Amino acid sequence: MSHKKDWLQRFIEITPMQINMGGNTTLEAIGMRDMEVTMTMRGKNIHNVFKDVLYIFKIAKKFFLVSKGASLGNVFQFEKNFCIIKND
C-alpha cells in the first residue's frame, strides 16, 4: 500500500475498496499498480518490483503486507533490526 500515486508505474483507478487497517480503522483504496523498489542485501542493491500495490490517498506511510508476500511463495524471517525475505 502506498500514499504516493507517482510511485506506481502505469497507475490504474479501481472500484473503491475498503481496507481494514486494524483497530477499527478502514481506509479506501482507489487505485493500484506496480512499484519499483531497491533493497540492500549483503551490501549490494537489489532492484525488484512489488506487484499490485494499492494506492490509498489517506494513508500516512507505505506498507508491505507479509500475507501478500507469503501468498506469492516468499518466506519471512524477522530479526531485531531487519527482516529476511527468501524465495527459493
C-alpha atoms as a PDB file:
ATOM      1  CA  MET A   1       0.000   0.000   0.000  1.00  0.00           C
ATOM      2  CA  SER A   2       1.262   3.459  -0.815  1.00  0.00           C
ATOM      3  CA  HIS A   3       0.130   7.047  -0.447  1.00  0.00           C
ATOM      4  CA  LYS A   4       2.342   8.183  -3.346  1.00  0.00           C
ATOM      5  CA  LYS A   5       0.475   7.845  -6.636  1.00  0.00           C
ATOM      6  CA  ASP A   6       3.526   8.874  -8.680  1.00  0.00           C
ATOM      7  CA  TRP A   7       5.491   5.882  -7.303  1.00  0.00           C
ATOM      8  CA  LEU A   8       3.121   3.476  -9.066  1.00  0.00           C
ATOM      9  CA  GLN A   9       4.009   2.548 -12.642  1.00  0.00           C
ATOM     10  CA  ARG A  10       1.132   2.641 -15.144  1.00  0.00           C
ATOM     11  CA  PHE A  11      -1.362   3.603 -12.432  1.00  0.00           C
ATOM     12  CA  ILE A  12      -4.967   2.472 -12.894  1.00  0.00           C
ATOM     13  CA  GLU A  13      -8.061   3.531 -10.996  1.00  0.00           C
ATOM     14  CA  ILE A  14     -10.068   0.752  -9.379  1.00  0.00           C
ATOM     15  CA  THR A  15     -13.546   0.489  -7.937  1.00  0.00           C
ATOM     16  CA  PRO A  16     -13.021   1.906  -4.425  1.00  0.00           C
ATOM     17  CA  MET A  17     -12.482  -0.827  -1.837  1.00  0.00           C
ATOM     18  CA  GLN A  18     -12.318  -0.653   1.954  1.00  0.00           C
ATOM     19  CA  ILE A  19      -9.070  -1.885   3.547  1.00  0.00           C
ATOM     20  CA  ASN A  20      -9.157  -2.877   7.229  1.00  0.00           C
ATOM     21  CA  MET A  21      -6.072  -1.417   8.917  1.00  0.00           C
ATOM     22  CA  GLY A  22      -6.820  -2.891  12.344  1.00  0.00           C
ATOM     23  CA  GLY A  23      -8.026  -1.111  15.455  1.00  0.00           C
ATOM     24  CA  ASN A  24     -11.425  -0.465  13.829  1.00  0.00           C
ATOM     25  CA  THR A  25      -9.760   1.704  11.173  1.00  0.00           C
ATOM     26  CA  THR A  26     -10.587   1.344   7.490  1.00  0.00           C
ATOM     27  CA  LEU A  27      -9.175   3.283   4.555  1.00  0.00           C
ATOM     28  CA  GLU A  28     -10.241   3.368   0.928  1.00  0.00           C
ATOM     29  CA  ALA A  29      -8.040   2.081  -1.897  1.00  0.00           C
ATOM     30  CA  ILE A  30      -8.808   3.915  -5.143  1.00  0.00           C
ATOM     31  CA  GLY A  31      -6.071   2.688  -7.470  1.00  0.00           C
ATOM     32  CA  MET A  32      -3.229   0.236  -7.909  1.00  0.00           C
ATOM     33  CA  ARG A  33      -0.209  -0.787  -9.930  1.00  0.00           C
ATOM     34  CA  ASP A  34       3.410  -1.920  -9.685  1.00  0.00           C
ATOM     35  CA  MET A  35       6.137  -0.208  -7.626  1.00  0.00           C
ATOM     36  CA  GLU A  36       9.880  -0.494  -8.236  1.00  0.00           C
ATOM     37  CA  VAL A  37      11.877  -0.984  -5.040  1.00  0.00           C
ATOM     38  CA  THR A  38      15.550  -1.181  -4.190  1.00  0.00           C
ATOM     39  CA  MET A  39      16.670  -3.366  -1.285  1.00  0.00           C
ATOM     40  CA  THR A  40      20.164  -3.795   0.145  1.00  0.00           C
ATOM     41  CA  MET A  41      21.365  -7.366   0.502  1.00  0.00           C
ATOM     42  CA  ARG A  42      24.871  -8.156   1.708  1.00  0.00           C
ATOM     43  CA  GLY A  43      25.963  -4.650   0.806  1.00  0.00           C
ATOM     44  CA  LYS A  44      24.561  -4.770  -2.739  1.00  0.00           C
ATOM     45  CA  ASN A  45      21.472  -3.031  -4.077  1.00  0.00           C
ATOM     46  CA  ILE A  46      18.852  -5.406  -5.459  1.00  0.00           C
ATOM     47  CA  HIS A  47      16.145  -3.997  -7.725  1.00  0.00           C
ATOM     48  CA  ASN A  48      12.718  -5.598  -7.671  1.00  0.00           C
ATOM     49  CA  VAL A  49       9.066  -4.850  -8.395  1.00  0.00           C
ATOM     50  CA  PHE A  50       6.147  -5.145  -5.973  1.00  0.00           C
ATOM     51  CA  LYS A  51       3.058  -6.116  -7.969  1.00  0.00           C
ATOM     52  CA  ASP A  52      -0.498  -4.827  -7.490  1.00  0.00           C
ATOM     53  CA  VAL A  53       0.361  -2.192  -4.863  1.00  0.00           C
ATOM     54  CA  LEU A  54      -2.803  -0.469  -3.634  1.00  0.00           C
ATOM     55  CA  TYR A  55      -2.995   3.331  -3.733  1.00  0.00           C
ATOM     56  CA  ILE A  56      -4.589   4.718  -0.567  1.00  0.00           C
ATOM     57  CA  PHE A  57      -4.572   8.508  -0.587  1.00  0.00           C
ATOM     58  CA  LYS A  58      -5.211   8.903   3.164  1.00  0.00           C
ATOM     59  CA  ILE A  59      -2.505   6.533   4.380  1.00  0.00           C
ATOM     60  CA  ALA A  60       0.431   8.273   6.078  1.00  0.00           C
ATOM     61  CA  LYS A  61       3.190   5.818   5.077  1.00  0.00           C
ATOM     62  CA  LYS A  62       3.727   2.898   2.723  1.00  0.00           C
ATOM     63  CA  PHE A  63       3.013  -0.621   3.959  1.00  0.00           C
ATOM     64  CA  PHE A  64       4.046  -4.081   2.847  1.00  0.00           C
ATOM     65  CA  LEU A  65       1.654  -6.936   3.554  1.00  0.00           C
ATOM     66  CA  VAL A  66       3.548 -10.015   4.667  1.00  0.00           C
ATOM     67  CA  SER A  67       0.462 -12.130   3.899  1.00  0.00           C
ATOM     68  CA  LYS A  68       0.535 -10.954   0.259  1.00  0.00           C
ATOM     69  CA  GLY A  69       4.250 -11.706   0.005  1.00  0.00           C
ATOM     70  CA  ALA A  70       3.758 -15.143   1.564  1.00  0.00           C
ATOM     71  CA  SER A  71       0.936 -15.938  -0.863  1.00  0.00           C
ATOM     72  CA  LEU A  72       3.471 -15.393  -3.673  1.00  0.00           C
ATOM     73  CA  GLY A  73       5.836 -18.008  -2.200  1.00  0.00           C
ATOM     74  CA  ASN A  74       8.112 -15.803  -0.076  1.00  0.00           C
ATOM     75  CA  VAL A  75       9.308 -16.792   3.396  1.00  0.00           C
ATOM     76  CA  PHE A  76       9.916 -14.119   6.055  1.00  0.00           C
ATOM     77  CA  GLN A  77      12.378 -14.255   8.948  1.00  0.00           C
ATOM     78  CA  PHE A  78      12.156 -11.356  11.392  1.00  0.00           C
ATOM     79  CA  GLU A  79      15.167 -10.316  13.457  1.00  0.00           C
ATOM     80  CA  LYS A  80      15.609  -7.439  15.910  1.00  0.00           C
ATOM     81  CA  ASN A  81      16.635  -4.807  13.344  1.00  0.00           C
ATOM     82  CA  PHE A  82      15.791  -6.339   9.968  1.00  0.00           C
ATOM     83  CA  CYS A  83      13.715  -8.840   8.034  1.00  0.00           C
ATOM     84  CA  ILE A  84      14.983 -11.510   5.675  1.00  0.00           C
ATOM     85  CA  ILE A  85      12.763 -12.333   2.692  1.00  0.00           C
ATOM     86  CA  LYS A  86      13.502 -15.585   0.883  1.00  0.00           C
ATOM     87  CA  ASN A  87      12.061 -17.027  -2.283  1.00  0.00           C
ATOM     88  CA  ASP A  88      13.644 -20.359  -3.191  1.00  0.00           C
END
